[in-house]
Amino acid sequence: MADKEMRAVYTDTLLELAASDDRIMVVEADLMRATGTGPFKEKYPERFVDVGVAEANMVGVSAGLSAAGKIPFAATFGCFASRRVFDQFFLSCAYARLNVKLVGTDPGVSAAFNGGTHMPFEDIALMRAVPDIVVCEPSDPVSLAACVKLLAAHPKSAYLRLHRKAVAPLYATDERFELGKGKVLREGSDALIIALGAIMVPEALKAAEALKAEGIDCCVIDPVWVKPLDGDLILSRAAKVRAVVTAENHQNSNGLGSAVAELLCEHHPMRLERVGVRGEFGEVGTQAWLQKRFGLDAESIAAAVKKALAG
């Protein structure tokens, strides 16, 4: 699969699902162009709802659709899909045991010029706290298409963290994915890097290559799912190395790093370093500049690996 905008993959996958399942619906909050779901509206106008700039209402409408037997995919910017609608999603969807797929786009620094108000560094933290839902962040077009299909088949509510822009494929088109199962992208015997999402997984692979030239052998895992986290996979590789580093386009508290820390503390205590945003709000800038600004790059991951091994 050539480099393709992730939002196009999202919409194409929903169109594929909708062709054989009339329960699939799309709900938007005036961001159809940003999310790229226009083709779905053209194909299935009766299964597309735009509530306008009213994100909490979007979730309430989605809950009603689910109660009526539909499978709604409700999308908006991640800042709105988490902070603004949290109570509605918690109560009307998760607590009510309904089946709503909430999609938060433009995660972390990918929000770029939309700035700090639109830069969600805490959405995973919020969603990890919601009982009985699943949370995932695909890293490439292949894993995204697989996750959308897995979420559609899953009978409970979920949060999908969606990078909208074009990214290079990491997986072969025939790669198989399972809900709650991660992927080993490379094996290694010195350190384990666990990286999440379309920005940090490629950066982790770059860091591993750079460290290899220095004689440090790194295993790299793409967990795909933060909740449930693939603890068995992580522990199996952690047992073979001397240190673990997590990397996420998110606050380094209450996200992937915290989930891994909890896992290791309970089952296999060892050296851990977490790469992520350290208690700051977002800023305006290019994605590349913001990655440097917040230490979300290969250099920061490599430095964290060396620090963990030195400890």
Protein backbone atom coordinates (compact mmCIF):
# COMPACT_ATOMS: atom_id res chain seq x y z
CA MET A 1 0.00 0.00 0.00
CA ALA A 2 1.53 3.32 -1.12
CA ASP A 3 1.60 6.37 1.13
CA LYS A 4 -2.03 7.34 1.58
CA GLU A 5 -3.82 9.81 3.78
CA MET A 6 -5.04 8.02 6.87
CA ARG A 7 -8.39 9.81 6.70
CA ALA A 8 -8.91 8.37 3.21
CA VAL A 9 -8.15 4.88 4.53
CA TYR A 10 -10.64 5.47 7.36
CA THR A 11 -13.40 6.50 4.95
CA ASP A 12 -12.64 3.78 2.41
CA THR A 13 -12.81 1.15 5.14
CA LEU A 14 -16.15 2.47 6.39
CA LEU A 15 -17.48 2.37 2.82
CA GLU A 16 -16.32 -1.23 2.50
CA LEU A 17 -18.02 -2.17 5.77
CA ALA A 18 -21.20 -0.25 4.94
CA ALA A 19 -21.63 -2.14 1.67
CA SER A 20 -22.37 -5.34 3.59
CA ASP A 21 -23.69 -3.97 6.90
CA ASP A 22 -26.48 -1.40 6.90
CA ARG A 23 -25.88 -0.68 10.60
CA ILE A 24 -22.70 1.27 9.83
CA MET A 25 -23.27 5.03 10.13
CA VAL A 26 -21.09 8.13 10.21
CA VAL A 27 -21.76 11.06 12.55
CA GLU A 28 -19.83 14.33 12.17
CA ALA A 29 -19.68 17.69 13.95
CA ASP A 30 -19.05 20.03 11.00
CA LEU A 31 -15.64 18.51 10.21
CA MET A 32 -16.54 16.27 7.27
CA ARG A 33 -13.88 17.87 5.08
CA ALA A 34 -11.20 17.49 7.72
CA THR A 35 -12.11 13.88 8.45
CA GLY A 36 -12.54 13.11 4.76
CA THR A 37 -15.91 11.39 5.09
CA GLY A 38 -17.53 13.22 2.16
CA PRO A 39 -17.51 10.08 -0.04
CA PHE A 40 -19.50 8.23 2.63
CA LYS A 41 -22.15 10.97 2.63
CA GLU A 42 -22.35 10.82 -1.17
CA LYS A 43 -22.76 7.04 -1.18
CA TYR A 44 -25.02 6.70 1.87
CA PRO A 45 -26.68 10.07 2.57
CA GLU A 46 -29.34 8.43 4.73
CA ARG A 47 -26.63 6.94 6.96
CA PHE A 48 -24.69 10.17 7.45
CA VAL A 49 -25.52 12.72 10.16
CA ASP A 50 -23.84 16.12 10.61
CA VAL A 51 -24.90 17.75 13.88
CA GLY A 52 -22.96 20.97 13.29
CA VAL A 53 -20.52 22.44 15.79
CA ALA A 54 -22.02 20.53 18.71
CA GLU A 55 -19.68 17.71 19.71
CA ALA A 56 -21.52 16.68 22.88
CA ASN A 57 -24.70 16.44 20.83
CA MET A 58 -22.79 14.32 18.30
CA VAL A 59 -22.11 11.78 21.03
CA GLY A 60 -25.68 11.90 22.30
CA VAL A 61 -27.04 11.33 18.79
CA SER A 62 -24.59 8.46 18.34
CA ALA A 63 -25.77 6.89 21.58
CA GLY A 64 -29.35 7.08 20.33
CA LEU A 65 -28.38 5.50 17.02
CA SER A 66 -26.63 2.70 18.87
CA ALA A 67 -29.69 2.14 21.07
CA ALA A 68 -31.66 1.78 17.84
CA GLY A 69 -29.30 -0.95 16.62
CA LYS A 70 -26.87 1.06 14.51
CA ILE A 71 -23.05 1.14 14.70
CA PRO A 72 -22.10 4.84 14.58
CA PHE A 73 -18.56 6.07 13.96
CA ALA A 74 -18.52 9.59 15.40
CA ALA A 75 -15.48 11.72 14.54
CA THR A 76 -14.09 15.11 15.47
CA PHE A 77 -10.74 16.59 16.47
CA GLY A 78 -9.22 14.66 19.36
CA CYS A 79 -9.36 17.65 21.70
CA PHE A 80 -13.15 17.74 21.31
CA ALA A 81 -13.58 13.95 21.20
CA SER A 82 -11.98 13.67 24.63
CA ARG A 83 -12.13 16.81 26.78
CA ARG A 84 -15.34 18.33 25.44
CA VAL A 85 -17.52 15.22 25.21
CA PHE A 86 -16.06 13.14 28.02
CA ASP A 87 -19.16 13.09 30.24
CA GLN A 88 -21.50 12.28 27.36
CA PHE A 89 -19.25 9.46 26.15
CA PHE A 90 -18.72 8.11 29.67
CA LEU A 91 -22.42 8.03 30.60
CA SER A 92 -24.45 7.88 27.38
CA CYS A 93 -22.17 5.38 25.64
CA ALA A 94 -19.88 3.38 27.95
CA TYR A 95 -22.00 3.35 31.12
CA ALA A 96 -25.12 2.65 29.05
CA ARG A 97 -23.33 -0.36 27.49
CA LEU A 98 -23.91 1.00 24.00
CA ASN A 99 -21.82 0.57 20.87
CA VAL A 100 -20.36 3.92 19.79
CA LYS A 101 -17.02 4.26 18.02
CA LEU A 102 -15.62 7.67 18.97
CA VAL A 103 -12.84 8.86 16.66
CA GLY A 104 -10.41 11.58 17.77
CA THR A 105 -8.38 13.00 14.88
CA ASP A 106 -5.21 15.12 14.84
CA PRO A 107 -3.62 13.60 17.95
CA GLY A 108 -0.86 15.44 19.77
CA VAL A 109 1.57 17.46 17.66
CA SER A 110 -0.11 16.44 14.41
CA ALA A 111 -2.58 19.27 15.17
CA ALA A 112 0.34 21.58 14.22
CA PHE A 113 -0.93 25.06 13.30
CA ASN A 114 -4.23 24.58 15.13
CA GLY A 115 -2.15 25.15 18.25
CA GLY A 116 -2.47 24.38 21.92
CA THR A 117 -6.26 24.63 22.13
CA HIS A 118 -6.60 21.88 19.52
CA MET A 119 -3.62 19.73 20.55
CA PRO A 120 -4.76 16.71 22.58
CA PHE A 121 -1.96 15.43 24.78
CA GLU A 122 -4.36 13.88 27.30
CA ASP A 123 -7.05 12.04 25.33
CA ILE A 124 -5.60 8.57 25.94
CA ALA A 125 -5.32 9.38 29.64
CA LEU A 126 -9.01 10.24 29.78
CA MET A 127 -10.13 7.24 27.76
CA ARG A 128 -7.99 4.76 29.69
CA ALA A 129 -10.07 5.68 32.74
CA VAL A 130 -13.39 4.73 31.12
CA PRO A 131 -14.43 1.20 32.11
CA ASP A 132 -15.20 -1.46 29.53
CA ILE A 133 -14.05 0.32 26.36
CA VAL A 134 -11.12 -0.28 24.03
CA VAL A 135 -8.57 2.34 22.97
CA CYS A 136 -6.31 2.09 19.93
CA GLU A 137 -3.94 4.20 17.85
CA PRO A 138 -2.95 2.64 14.50
CA SER A 139 0.46 3.49 13.11
CA ASP A 140 -0.06 3.11 9.35
CA PRO A 141 -2.75 2.63 6.69
CA VAL A 142 -2.77 -1.17 6.99
CA SER A 143 -3.18 -1.20 10.77
CA LEU A 144 -5.82 1.55 10.54
CA ALA A 145 -7.99 -0.39 8.10
CA ALA A 146 -7.68 -3.47 10.31
CA CYS A 147 -8.55 -1.54 13.47
CA VAL A 148 -11.66 0.04 11.92
CA LYS A 149 -12.90 -3.41 10.94
CA LEU A 150 -12.10 -4.87 14.36
CA LEU A 151 -13.88 -2.00 16.09
CA ALA A 152 -16.93 -2.41 13.87
CA ALA A 153 -17.12 -6.07 14.89
CA HIS A 154 -16.57 -5.30 18.58
CA PRO A 155 -19.92 -4.95 20.40
CA LYS A 156 -18.86 -2.21 22.84
CA SER A 157 -17.82 1.44 22.71
CA ALA A 158 -14.30 2.38 21.67
CA TYR A 159 -11.92 5.29 21.13
CA LEU A 160 -9.88 5.41 17.93
CA ARG A 161 -6.99 7.91 17.87
CA LEU A 162 -6.67 8.81 14.20
CA HIS A 163 -3.72 10.49 12.50
CA ARG A 164 -5.31 12.11 9.42
CA LYS A 165 -2.26 12.75 7.26
CA ALA A 166 -0.40 10.53 4.81
CA VAL A 167 2.10 8.10 6.33
CA ALA A 168 4.27 5.38 4.85
CA PRO A 169 3.07 1.81 5.33
CA LEU A 170 4.85 -0.24 7.99
CA TYR A 171 2.99 -3.48 7.41
CA ALA A 172 2.38 -5.71 4.42
CA THR A 173 -1.15 -5.46 3.07
CA ASP A 174 -1.88 -9.04 4.18
CA GLU A 175 -0.74 -8.50 7.80
CA ARG A 176 -3.31 -9.85 10.25
CA PHE A 177 -4.33 -7.93 13.37
CA GLU A 178 -6.28 -8.90 16.47
CA LEU A 179 -8.02 -6.74 19.04
CA GLY A 180 -5.69 -6.25 22.01
CA LYS A 181 -2.64 -7.70 20.28
CA GLY A 182 0.51 -5.77 19.43
CA LYS A 183 3.20 -6.32 16.82
CA VAL A 184 6.97 -6.86 17.04
CA LEU A 185 8.57 -4.78 14.30
CA ARG A 186 12.12 -5.83 15.07
CA GLU A 187 13.77 -8.08 17.63
CA GLY A 188 16.62 -6.99 19.90
CA SER A 189 18.55 -8.13 22.96
CA ASP A 190 19.58 -4.93 24.78
CA ALA A 191 16.52 -2.70 25.09
CA LEU A 192 12.83 -2.74 24.25
CA ILE A 193 11.19 0.31 22.67
CA ILE A 194 7.39 0.38 22.82
CA ALA A 195 6.11 3.14 20.53
CA LEU A 196 2.56 4.15 19.68
CA GLY A 197 1.02 5.75 16.61
CA ALA A 198 1.88 7.10 13.18
CA ILE A 199 4.48 9.57 14.45
CA MET A 200 6.29 7.66 17.18
CA VAL A 201 6.55 4.17 15.67
CA PRO A 202 8.62 5.36 12.66
CA GLU A 203 10.72 7.49 15.03
CA ALA A 204 11.33 4.43 17.20
CA LEU A 205 12.50 2.44 14.19
CA LYS A 206 14.88 5.27 13.23
CA ALA A 207 16.23 5.32 16.79
CA ALA A 208 16.75 1.56 16.74
CA GLU A 209 18.72 1.81 13.50
CA ALA A 210 20.90 4.61 14.87
CA LEU A 211 21.54 2.69 18.09
CA LYS A 212 22.43 -0.44 16.14
CA ALA A 213 25.34 1.48 14.62
CA GLU A 214 26.54 2.11 18.18
CA GLY A 215 26.29 -1.55 19.13
CA ILE A 216 22.95 -1.32 20.98
CA ASP A 217 20.39 -3.89 19.84
CA CYS A 218 16.77 -2.77 20.27
CA CYS A 219 13.50 -4.63 19.99
CA VAL A 220 10.62 -2.42 18.78
CA ILE A 221 6.96 -3.12 19.55
CA ASP A 222 3.93 -1.35 18.10
CA PRO A 223 1.23 -2.11 20.71
CA VAL A 224 -1.59 -0.72 18.50
CA TRP A 225 -3.98 -1.09 21.45
CA VAL A 226 -3.45 0.86 24.67
CA LYS A 227 -6.53 -0.73 26.21
CA PRO A 228 -6.38 -3.65 26.41
CA LEU A 229 -2.60 -3.57 26.37
CA ASP A 230 -0.86 -6.69 25.06
CA GLY A 231 0.85 -7.48 28.35
CA ASP A 232 1.91 -10.97 27.33
CA LEU A 233 3.80 -9.68 24.29
CA ILE A 234 5.48 -6.86 26.21
CA LEU A 235 6.51 -9.08 29.12
CA SER A 236 7.87 -11.74 26.78
CA ARG A 237 10.25 -9.22 25.20
CA ALA A 238 10.99 -7.32 28.42
CA ALA A 239 12.34 -10.54 29.89
CA LYS A 240 15.00 -10.66 27.15
CA VAL A 241 16.39 -7.11 27.56
CA ARG A 242 17.92 -4.85 30.21
CA ALA A 243 15.68 -1.80 29.85
CA VAL A 244 12.38 -0.59 28.41
CA VAL A 245 11.53 2.77 26.77
CA THR A 246 8.04 3.94 25.83
CA ALA A 247 7.38 6.62 23.22
CA GLU A 248 4.08 8.40 22.64
CA ASN A 249 2.70 11.55 21.03
CA HIS A 250 0.91 12.32 24.30
CA GLN A 251 1.60 13.34 27.87
CA ASN A 252 3.99 10.79 29.34
CA SER A 253 1.65 10.43 32.31
CA ASN A 254 -1.50 8.29 32.23
CA GLY A 255 -0.97 7.17 28.62
CA LEU A 256 1.08 4.38 27.08
CA GLY A 257 4.06 4.98 29.39
CA SER A 258 1.92 4.71 32.49
CA ALA A 259 0.17 1.60 31.20
CA VAL A 260 3.53 -0.08 30.58
CA ALA A 261 4.85 1.13 33.96
CA GLU A 262 1.87 -0.44 35.71
CA LEU A 263 2.41 -3.70 33.84
CA LEU A 264 6.12 -3.89 34.63
CA CYS A 265 5.71 -2.82 38.25
CA GLU A 266 3.21 -5.61 38.86
CA HIS A 267 4.86 -8.38 36.86
CA HIS A 268 8.49 -7.63 35.94
CA PRO A 269 10.11 -4.60 37.65
CA MET A 270 12.97 -3.19 35.59
CA ARG A 271 14.50 0.02 34.23
CA LEU A 272 11.97 2.16 32.36
CA GLU A 273 12.19 5.52 30.62
CA ARG A 274 9.17 7.30 29.12
CA VAL A 275 9.37 9.58 26.08
CA GLY A 276 6.43 11.93 25.78
CA VAL A 277 5.22 15.43 26.55
CA ARG A 278 6.16 16.36 30.11
CA GLY A 279 3.28 18.28 31.61
CA GLU A 280 2.98 21.04 29.00
CA PHE A 281 0.30 22.53 26.82
CA GLY A 282 0.58 22.45 23.04
CA GLU A 283 1.96 25.24 20.85
CA VAL A 284 1.65 26.44 17.26
CA GLY A 285 4.21 25.18 14.76
CA THR A 286 4.99 22.66 12.08
CA GLN A 287 4.76 19.05 13.12
CA ALA A 288 8.51 18.63 12.64
CA TRP A 289 9.28 21.65 14.84
CA LEU A 290 6.82 20.49 17.51
CA GLN A 291 8.39 17.03 17.58
CA LYS A 292 11.75 18.63 18.33
CA ARG A 293 10.18 21.09 20.78
CA PHE A 294 8.57 18.33 22.86
CA GLY A 295 11.22 15.64 22.37
CA LEU A 296 9.07 13.35 20.24
CA ASP A 297 11.77 12.21 17.83
CA ALA A 298 14.32 9.49 17.18
CA GLU A 299 17.07 11.41 18.95
CA SER A 300 15.04 11.66 22.16
CA ILE A 301 14.14 7.98 22.01
CA ALA A 302 17.78 6.98 21.49
CA ALA A 303 18.85 9.18 24.40
CA ALA A 304 16.21 7.57 26.62
CA VAL A 305 17.47 4.09 25.66
CA LYS A 306 21.04 5.03 26.59
CA LYS A 307 19.88 6.54 29.89
CA ALA A 308 17.85 3.46 30.76
CA LEU A 309 20.74 1.12 29.97
CA ALA A 310 23.19 3.27 31.93
CA GLY A 311 20.98 3.07 35.02
